[in-house]
Amino acid sequence: MARELAISLYLFVFKCVFSILNLLPLKDKTTFVISFGDNSQYVFEEMQRQKIQTEVVFLCKGNCIKKFAHYQYVTKIPFETYNLLNWFRAIYHLATSRYVLIDNYFGFLAAIHFKAGVECIQLWHATGALKKFGLEDESVQSRSLRAKQRFLQVYSRFHKVVVGSDVMAAIFKRSFNLKEENILRTGIPRTDFFFDGESKQRVLKALLHKHPEWKGKKTILYAPTYRDHELKEFSLKLDVEKMHRELGNDYILMLRLHPAIQHRLDFEKAAPGFLYDFSSDEYEINELLIAADILITDYSSIPFDYSLLHRPMIFFAYDLEVYEGRRGIFDGFEENLPGPIVKDTDSIVELVKQNRFNLNVVDYYAEQWNKYSKGDSSANLVRYLFLEKGYQGLRENL
């Protein structure tokens, strides 16, 4: 009850401030509201390539503001309530922008109504979905009626949701209570990276330069999703010492924990020279994916991106029944995975040693979930936003 009252009070204040600033005229401005950042980066850089002349604002949650530190001639604001000046500035930009691009669920949307002529685009941070979210999340059923109404209000603010496949479009419709008119089939901007040979080679060269001891070895990436009960105290269920003994001569293991996990131990001590923890924000997840010869994950959305590389995957779902009850996963989870599902480290070691993977299944999976992500997704979205509508904010030499 106390939590709901606090949320209601915050949204009331947000609504009051926004309503006043909403009286100001709209400006030729595009505002990104960001918690992850990679999709927003690709869209912004494509705007630069296509010489779109518009004021750009980045409202950043948490540490993602670091991703945009090197950009010039743009406004970058930490979007946190503890700094009232920045909070007020952020609301001002939200109220005066023609385009608002977001990449996650943001509760403040429940408190505002955009003017006519404003378009809010959801650049969801996941290419596909194995676990349920939005209205289909099992945990939503235990929330109050007020909370459920708030969720619906937030989803109703999405004018368009960017998708890379018809499968994901159907999931968004159910999860966010959307209609076909809300779906934008441009492809997922950040997947453009997987079609850029020069960028991929540059990342691989940098990794090998930093870790010359990797030369001649293959790489395994373990990237699990988060569990709500482990956000503050994560427990690594993978037996890395056993993997080191069995696979250490031929492989190294990269670890990438979900950014939501707060408390992290020094896991590298368990297997020095074999386990490398890349859970910091030094490298983007896409950069680690192209370095991985094998991916180990669970209910994460990472396999949808990794499938574009046509490489083996293992699904370490050691808590399948528990996770399904707490969070919920989509029907057909086990039958439709592009790789074997296992529940212990011994099975992982055996699979890696025997190299028993069906890459034909991976190829089918890639086509199913990345139908519209073909290397030009960022260009497709920028074209939709600025060029197909007779947008005038172009530089004269375009």
Protein backbone atom coordinates (compact mmCIF):
# COMPACT_ATOMS: atom_id res chain seq x y z
CA MET A 1 0.00 0.00 0.00
CA ALA A 2 2.77 2.45 0.95
CA ARG A 3 4.56 1.74 -2.33
CA GLU A 4 1.44 2.44 -4.38
CA LEU A 5 0.83 5.70 -2.50
CA ALA A 6 4.41 6.82 -3.15
CA ILE A 7 4.09 6.01 -6.85
CA SER A 8 0.76 7.83 -7.09
CA LEU A 9 2.19 10.92 -5.39
CA TYR A 10 5.23 10.95 -7.68
CA LEU A 11 3.09 10.62 -10.80
CA PHE A 12 0.77 13.38 -9.60
CA VAL A 13 3.67 15.79 -9.21
CA PHE A 14 5.10 14.69 -12.57
CA LYS A 15 1.73 15.28 -14.21
CA CYS A 16 1.42 18.78 -12.74
CA VAL A 17 4.87 19.85 -13.93
CA PHE A 18 4.39 18.28 -17.36
CA SER A 19 0.96 19.91 -17.80
CA ILE A 20 2.43 23.35 -17.21
CA LEU A 21 5.40 22.81 -19.53
CA ASN A 22 3.12 21.23 -22.12
CA LEU A 23 1.66 24.70 -22.69
CA LEU A 24 4.92 25.66 -24.40
CA PRO A 25 5.15 25.21 -28.18
CA LEU A 26 6.67 22.08 -29.65
CA LYS A 27 10.23 22.38 -30.93
CA ASP A 28 12.05 20.62 -33.74
CA LYS A 29 13.49 18.17 -31.23
CA THR A 30 14.00 14.44 -30.73
CA THR A 31 14.32 13.13 -27.17
CA PHE A 32 15.61 9.67 -26.29
CA VAL A 33 14.65 8.21 -22.90
CA ILE A 34 17.20 5.52 -22.23
CA SER A 35 17.97 2.73 -19.79
CA PHE A 36 20.04 0.51 -22.14
CA GLY A 37 21.21 2.74 -24.97
CA ASP A 38 22.36 0.54 -27.84
CA ASN A 39 19.26 0.95 -30.03
CA SER A 40 19.28 4.69 -29.36
CA GLN A 41 22.94 4.93 -30.36
CA TYR A 42 22.34 3.26 -33.69
CA VAL A 43 19.33 5.44 -34.45
CA PHE A 44 21.17 8.65 -33.54
CA GLU A 45 24.24 7.76 -35.59
CA GLU A 46 22.02 6.97 -38.56
CA MET A 47 20.36 10.38 -38.10
CA GLN A 48 23.82 11.90 -38.36
CA ARG A 49 24.65 9.91 -41.50
CA GLN A 50 21.41 11.00 -43.14
CA LYS A 51 22.08 14.60 -42.06
CA ILE A 52 18.87 15.04 -40.09
CA GLN A 53 18.84 18.52 -38.63
CA THR A 54 17.06 18.34 -35.28
CA GLU A 55 17.86 19.12 -31.68
CA VAL A 56 18.70 15.88 -29.87
CA VAL A 57 18.31 15.18 -26.15
CA PHE A 58 19.36 12.04 -24.25
CA LEU A 59 17.61 11.42 -20.92
CA CYS A 60 19.64 8.64 -19.33
CA LYS A 61 18.87 6.32 -16.45
CA GLY A 62 21.78 4.99 -14.41
CA ASN A 63 25.20 4.56 -15.99
CA CYS A 64 24.04 4.44 -19.60
CA ILE A 65 24.87 8.13 -19.94
CA LYS A 66 28.49 7.03 -20.41
CA LYS A 67 27.56 5.63 -23.82
CA PHE A 68 26.79 9.13 -25.06
CA ALA A 69 29.63 11.06 -23.42
CA HIS A 70 31.58 11.46 -26.68
CA TYR A 71 28.69 12.89 -28.70
CA GLN A 72 28.87 16.61 -29.37
CA TYR A 73 26.14 19.18 -29.96
CA VAL A 74 23.54 17.13 -28.09
CA THR A 75 22.00 17.53 -24.64
CA LYS A 76 22.71 14.76 -22.11
CA ILE A 77 20.79 14.70 -18.83
CA PRO A 78 20.78 12.11 -16.03
CA PHE A 79 17.09 11.26 -15.67
CA GLU A 80 16.94 10.75 -11.90
CA THR A 81 14.54 12.20 -9.35
CA TYR A 82 17.21 12.99 -6.74
CA ASN A 83 18.42 15.96 -8.83
CA LEU A 84 15.43 18.27 -9.10
CA LEU A 85 17.02 20.58 -11.66
CA ASN A 86 17.81 17.72 -14.05
CA TRP A 87 14.41 16.19 -13.39
CA PHE A 88 12.70 19.47 -14.30
CA ARG A 89 14.86 19.87 -17.42
CA ALA A 90 13.99 16.33 -18.49
CA ILE A 91 10.26 16.99 -18.20
CA TYR A 92 10.68 20.20 -20.20
CA HIS A 93 12.27 18.28 -23.08
CA LEU A 94 9.59 15.59 -22.93
CA ALA A 95 6.88 18.23 -23.15
CA THR A 96 8.42 20.12 -26.09
CA SER A 97 9.74 17.32 -28.36
CA ARG A 98 8.11 16.14 -31.57
CA TYR A 99 9.64 12.70 -31.25
CA VAL A 100 10.14 10.73 -28.02
CA LEU A 101 12.02 7.43 -28.35
CA ILE A 102 12.13 5.11 -25.33
CA ASP A 103 13.74 1.70 -24.79
CA ASN A 104 11.99 0.29 -21.72
CA TYR A 105 8.97 0.53 -19.46
CA PHE A 106 8.88 4.04 -17.97
CA GLY A 107 6.17 4.66 -15.38
CA PHE A 108 6.06 8.42 -15.90
CA LEU A 109 4.20 7.84 -19.17
CA ALA A 110 1.09 6.97 -17.16
CA ALA A 111 0.95 10.57 -15.93
CA ILE A 112 1.21 12.43 -19.23
CA HIS A 113 -0.56 12.95 -22.51
CA PHE A 114 1.47 14.01 -25.53
CA LYS A 115 0.21 16.76 -27.80
CA ALA A 116 -1.19 16.01 -31.21
CA GLY A 117 1.72 15.74 -33.63
CA VAL A 118 4.04 14.11 -31.10
CA GLU A 119 5.08 10.50 -31.73
CA CYS A 120 6.33 8.15 -29.00
CA ILE A 121 8.36 5.22 -30.36
CA GLN A 122 9.17 2.19 -28.21
CA LEU A 123 12.67 0.88 -29.05
CA TRP A 124 12.29 -2.15 -26.82
CA HIS A 125 15.63 -3.46 -25.56
CA ALA A 126 15.00 -7.11 -26.54
CA THR A 127 14.85 -8.52 -30.07
CA GLY A 128 12.60 -11.39 -28.99
CA ALA A 129 11.11 -12.91 -25.86
CA LEU A 130 11.30 -16.24 -24.07
CA LYS A 131 10.10 -15.03 -20.69
CA LYS A 132 6.78 -13.27 -20.29
CA PHE A 133 6.59 -9.52 -19.74
CA GLY A 134 4.01 -6.76 -19.62
CA LEU A 135 0.46 -7.96 -19.13
CA GLU A 136 1.53 -11.59 -19.58
CA ASP A 137 4.04 -11.51 -16.73
CA GLU A 138 2.76 -13.94 -14.07
CA SER A 139 3.73 -11.53 -11.28
CA VAL A 140 1.32 -8.89 -12.62
CA GLN A 141 -1.61 -11.00 -11.44
CA SER A 142 -0.69 -10.27 -7.82
CA ARG A 143 -0.48 -6.51 -8.31
CA SER A 144 -3.24 -4.13 -7.27
CA LEU A 145 -5.95 -2.93 -9.61
CA ARG A 146 -4.39 0.54 -9.55
CA ALA A 147 -1.05 -0.87 -10.63
CA LYS A 148 -2.63 -2.80 -13.52
CA GLN A 149 -4.43 0.34 -14.68
CA ARG A 150 -1.14 2.22 -14.55
CA PHE A 151 0.54 -0.40 -16.72
CA LEU A 152 -2.20 -0.04 -19.33
CA GLN A 153 -1.83 3.74 -19.27
CA VAL A 154 1.90 3.43 -19.94
CA TYR A 155 1.39 1.02 -22.84
CA SER A 156 -1.28 3.24 -24.37
CA ARG A 157 1.32 6.01 -24.83
CA PHE A 158 3.29 3.90 -27.34
CA HIS A 159 2.30 5.18 -30.77
CA LYS A 160 4.63 2.67 -32.40
CA VAL A 161 6.70 -0.29 -31.23
CA VAL A 162 9.69 -1.29 -33.35
CA VAL A 163 9.91 -5.02 -34.14
CA GLY A 164 12.21 -7.33 -36.06
CA SER A 165 9.69 -10.11 -36.69
CA ASP A 166 6.02 -10.94 -36.95
CA VAL A 167 6.43 -13.29 -34.00
CA MET A 168 7.56 -10.45 -31.75
CA ALA A 169 4.81 -8.22 -33.12
CA ALA A 170 2.21 -10.73 -31.92
CA ILE A 171 3.86 -10.87 -28.47
CA PHE A 172 3.85 -7.07 -28.16
CA LYS A 173 0.18 -6.92 -29.05
CA ARG A 174 -0.67 -9.29 -26.22
CA SER A 175 1.85 -8.00 -23.68
CA PHE A 176 1.18 -4.27 -24.23
CA ASN A 177 -2.46 -4.43 -25.35
CA LEU A 178 -1.56 -2.97 -28.74
CA LYS A 179 -3.11 -3.11 -32.20
CA GLU A 180 -1.60 -3.77 -35.60
CA GLU A 181 -1.43 -0.03 -36.27
CA ASN A 182 1.04 0.29 -33.38
CA ILE A 183 3.58 -2.08 -34.91
CA LEU A 184 6.54 -0.73 -36.89
CA ARG A 185 8.35 -3.43 -38.88
CA THR A 186 11.68 -1.70 -39.48
CA GLY A 187 13.91 -4.27 -37.81
CA ILE A 188 15.88 -3.75 -34.59
CA PRO A 189 18.48 -0.94 -34.95
CA ARG A 190 21.27 -2.51 -32.90
CA THR A 191 21.24 -5.70 -34.99
CA ASP A 192 22.82 -3.67 -37.80
CA PHE A 193 26.10 -4.38 -36.01
CA PHE A 194 25.98 -8.07 -36.98
CA PHE A 195 25.97 -7.11 -40.67
CA ASP A 196 28.92 -4.70 -40.36
CA GLY A 197 32.04 -6.74 -41.09
CA GLU A 198 34.45 -3.87 -40.48
CA SER A 199 33.05 -3.08 -37.02
CA LYS A 200 33.07 -6.74 -36.02
CA GLN A 201 36.70 -7.18 -37.03
CA ARG A 202 37.68 -4.04 -35.13
CA VAL A 203 36.09 -5.36 -31.92
CA LEU A 204 37.70 -8.79 -32.26
CA LYS A 205 41.10 -7.25 -32.89
CA ALA A 206 40.76 -5.06 -29.77
CA LEU A 207 39.77 -8.04 -27.61
CA LEU A 208 42.71 -10.14 -28.78
CA HIS A 209 45.07 -7.23 -28.30
CA LYS A 210 43.93 -6.92 -24.68
CA HIS A 211 43.91 -10.69 -24.13
CA PRO A 212 46.71 -12.22 -26.24
CA GLU A 213 46.47 -15.38 -24.12
CA TRP A 214 43.21 -16.18 -25.94
CA LYS A 215 45.00 -16.82 -29.20
CA GLY A 216 44.42 -20.38 -30.40
CA LYS A 217 41.51 -20.96 -28.03
CA LYS A 218 37.77 -20.91 -28.56
CA THR A 219 35.45 -18.82 -26.40
CA ILE A 220 32.31 -19.66 -24.47
CA LEU A 221 30.04 -16.84 -23.29
CA TYR A 222 27.77 -17.43 -20.28
CA ALA A 223 25.11 -14.71 -20.16
CA PRO A 224 22.21 -15.57 -17.83
CA THR A 225 19.20 -13.37 -17.28
CA TYR A 226 18.36 -12.06 -13.82
CA ARG A 227 16.18 -13.66 -11.17
CA ASP A 228 14.19 -11.17 -9.08
CA HIS A 229 15.32 -12.81 -5.84
CA GLU A 230 19.00 -12.62 -6.85
CA LEU A 231 19.29 -8.97 -7.79
CA LYS A 232 21.21 -8.11 -4.62
CA GLU A 233 22.93 -11.46 -4.06
CA PHE A 234 23.71 -13.38 -7.23
CA SER A 235 24.65 -17.06 -7.04
CA LEU A 236 26.63 -18.58 -9.92
CA LYS A 237 25.18 -22.04 -10.56
CA LEU A 238 27.71 -22.92 -13.22
CA ASP A 239 30.58 -25.08 -11.91
CA VAL A 240 33.39 -23.07 -13.48
CA GLU A 241 36.11 -25.06 -11.71
CA LYS A 242 34.89 -28.24 -13.39
CA MET A 243 34.67 -26.47 -16.75
CA HIS A 244 38.21 -25.23 -16.25
CA ARG A 245 39.50 -28.75 -15.62
CA GLU A 246 37.62 -30.29 -18.52
CA LEU A 247 37.80 -27.53 -21.14
CA GLY A 248 40.58 -25.17 -20.07
CA ASN A 249 43.12 -26.39 -22.62
CA ASP A 250 40.93 -25.45 -25.57
CA TYR A 251 38.46 -22.82 -24.32
CA ILE A 252 38.13 -19.69 -22.23
CA LEU A 253 34.87 -18.67 -20.51
CA MET A 254 33.45 -15.14 -20.61
CA LEU A 255 30.86 -14.21 -17.98
CA ARG A 256 28.29 -11.47 -18.60
CA LEU A 257 25.74 -10.92 -15.83
CA HIS A 258 22.57 -8.92 -16.36
CA PRO A 259 23.05 -5.19 -15.55
CA ALA A 260 20.19 -5.35 -13.03
CA ILE A 261 22.30 -7.52 -10.71
CA GLN A 262 23.76 -5.23 -8.06
CA HIS A 263 26.14 -7.31 -5.95
CA ARG A 264 28.90 -9.13 -7.78
CA LEU A 265 31.70 -11.27 -6.40
CA ASP A 266 35.15 -11.74 -7.90
CA PHE A 267 34.20 -14.82 -9.90
CA GLU A 268 37.51 -14.84 -11.77
CA LYS A 269 39.23 -16.19 -8.64
CA ALA A 270 37.41 -19.50 -9.12
CA ALA A 271 39.23 -20.20 -12.39
CA PRO A 272 42.04 -17.72 -13.12
CA GLY A 273 43.17 -17.71 -16.73
CA PHE A 274 39.94 -19.43 -17.79
CA LEU A 275 37.06 -17.27 -16.50
CA TYR A 276 36.87 -13.61 -17.52
CA ASP A 277 34.14 -11.45 -16.02
CA PHE A 278 32.75 -8.96 -18.56
CA SER A 279 29.80 -7.85 -16.45
CA SER A 280 30.95 -4.22 -16.44
CA ASP A 281 29.91 -1.81 -19.18
CA GLU A 282 33.37 -1.83 -20.82
CA TYR A 283 32.00 -3.92 -23.68
CA GLU A 284 28.56 -4.02 -25.25
CA ILE A 285 26.87 -7.40 -25.18
CA ASN A 286 26.91 -7.49 -29.00
CA GLU A 287 30.68 -7.18 -28.93
CA LEU A 288 30.94 -10.19 -26.65
CA LEU A 289 28.51 -12.16 -28.80
CA ILE A 290 30.68 -11.89 -31.90
CA ALA A 291 33.68 -13.07 -29.85
CA ALA A 292 31.81 -16.17 -28.61
CA ASP A 293 32.07 -19.50 -30.40
CA ILE A 294 29.37 -20.92 -28.12
CA LEU A 295 26.67 -19.13 -26.11
CA ILE A 296 25.31 -20.43 -22.81
CA THR A 297 22.21 -18.64 -21.57
CA ASP A 298 18.71 -19.39 -20.22
CA TYR A 299 15.58 -17.23 -20.59
CA SER A 300 17.42 -14.16 -21.87
CA SER A 301 16.61 -12.48 -25.17
CA ILE A 302 20.27 -12.72 -26.24
CA PRO A 303 19.75 -15.87 -28.41
CA PHE A 304 17.65 -13.88 -30.87
CA ASP A 305 20.63 -11.65 -31.65
CA TYR A 306 23.21 -14.42 -31.43
CA SER A 307 21.29 -16.55 -33.92
CA LEU A 308 22.32 -14.03 -36.61
CA LEU A 309 25.86 -15.38 -36.25
CA HIS A 310 24.73 -18.98 -36.93
CA ARG A 311 26.67 -20.42 -34.00
CA PRO A 312 25.85 -23.04 -31.31
CA MET A 313 23.81 -22.28 -28.20
CA ILE A 314 23.19 -24.12 -24.92
CA PHE A 315 20.30 -23.28 -22.61
CA PHE A 316 21.29 -23.74 -18.96
CA ALA A 317 17.79 -23.76 -17.43
CA TYR A 318 18.65 -25.29 -14.07
CA ASP A 319 15.56 -23.72 -12.42
CA LEU A 320 13.04 -24.11 -15.24
CA GLU A 321 10.06 -25.14 -13.12
CA VAL A 322 10.68 -22.50 -10.45
CA TYR A 323 11.27 -19.71 -12.98
CA GLU A 324 8.19 -20.67 -14.94
CA GLY A 325 6.06 -20.39 -11.80
CA ARG A 326 7.53 -17.09 -10.61
CA ARG A 327 7.93 -15.17 -13.85
CA GLY A 328 6.35 -17.21 -16.61
CA ILE A 329 7.75 -18.35 -19.94
CA PHE A 330 5.97 -18.67 -23.25
CA ASP A 331 4.35 -21.92 -24.29
CA GLY A 332 6.60 -24.17 -26.33
CA PHE A 333 9.77 -22.88 -24.66
CA GLU A 334 11.56 -26.24 -24.59
CA GLU A 335 10.38 -27.35 -28.04
CA ASN A 336 11.32 -24.16 -29.89
CA LEU A 337 14.81 -23.44 -28.59
CA PRO A 338 17.64 -23.29 -31.17
CA GLY A 339 19.86 -25.47 -28.99
CA PRO A 340 19.83 -28.16 -26.30
CA ILE A 341 18.45 -27.44 -22.84
CA VAL A 342 20.44 -28.72 -19.84
CA LYS A 343 20.26 -28.46 -16.05
CA ASP A 344 23.82 -29.20 -14.91
CA THR A 345 27.43 -28.41 -15.75
CA ASP A 346 28.27 -32.02 -16.66
CA SER A 347 25.83 -31.85 -19.58
CA ILE A 348 27.36 -28.58 -20.78
CA VAL A 349 30.86 -30.04 -20.75
CA GLU A 350 29.69 -33.12 -22.68
CA LEU A 351 27.95 -31.01 -25.33
CA VAL A 352 31.01 -28.81 -25.84
CA LYS A 353 33.40 -31.77 -26.05
CA GLN A 354 31.24 -33.68 -28.51
CA ASN A 355 30.23 -30.57 -30.48
CA ARG A 356 26.68 -31.93 -30.81
CA PHE A 357 24.78 -28.97 -32.25
CA ASN A 358 22.24 -28.67 -35.05
CA LEU A 359 22.96 -25.36 -36.76
CA ASN A 360 20.05 -25.84 -39.18
CA VAL A 361 17.77 -25.19 -36.22
CA VAL A 362 19.72 -22.02 -35.44
CA ASP A 363 19.34 -20.78 -39.01
CA TYR A 364 15.58 -21.32 -38.93
CA TYR A 365 15.38 -19.53 -35.58
CA ALA A 366 17.36 -16.58 -36.95
CA GLU A 367 15.02 -16.15 -39.91
CA GLN A 368 11.91 -16.50 -37.77
CA TRP A 369 12.91 -13.86 -35.21
CA ASN A 370 14.94 -11.48 -37.41
CA LYS A 371 12.73 -11.31 -40.48
CA TYR A 372 13.03 -7.52 -40.78
CA SER A 373 16.51 -7.11 -39.25
CA LYS A 374 18.74 -7.30 -42.31
CA GLY A 375 21.42 -4.69 -41.64
CA ASP A 376 19.40 -1.58 -42.52
CA SER A 377 17.06 -1.36 -39.53
CA SER A 378 18.37 1.99 -38.29
CA ALA A 379 18.02 3.48 -41.77
CA ASN A 380 14.47 2.12 -42.03
CA LEU A 381 13.43 3.78 -38.77
CA VAL A 382 15.07 7.13 -39.56
CA ARG A 383 13.41 7.05 -42.97
CA TYR A 384 10.03 6.44 -41.35
CA LEU A 385 10.48 9.21 -38.78
CA PHE A 386 11.99 11.96 -40.85
CA LEU A 387 11.88 11.29 -44.58
CA GLU A 388 8.59 9.57 -45.37
CA LYS A 389 6.65 12.38 -43.68
CA GLY A 390 8.13 15.22 -45.66
CA TYR A 391 10.34 16.25 -42.75
CA GLN A 392 11.92 19.65 -43.39
CA GLY A 393 14.78 19.50 -40.92
CA LEU A 394 17.42 18.40 -43.40
CA ARG A 395 20.71 20.07 -44.05
CA GLU A 396 20.88 21.89 -47.33
CA ASN A 397 23.50 19.60 -48.83
CA LEU A 398 21.44 16.41 -48.42
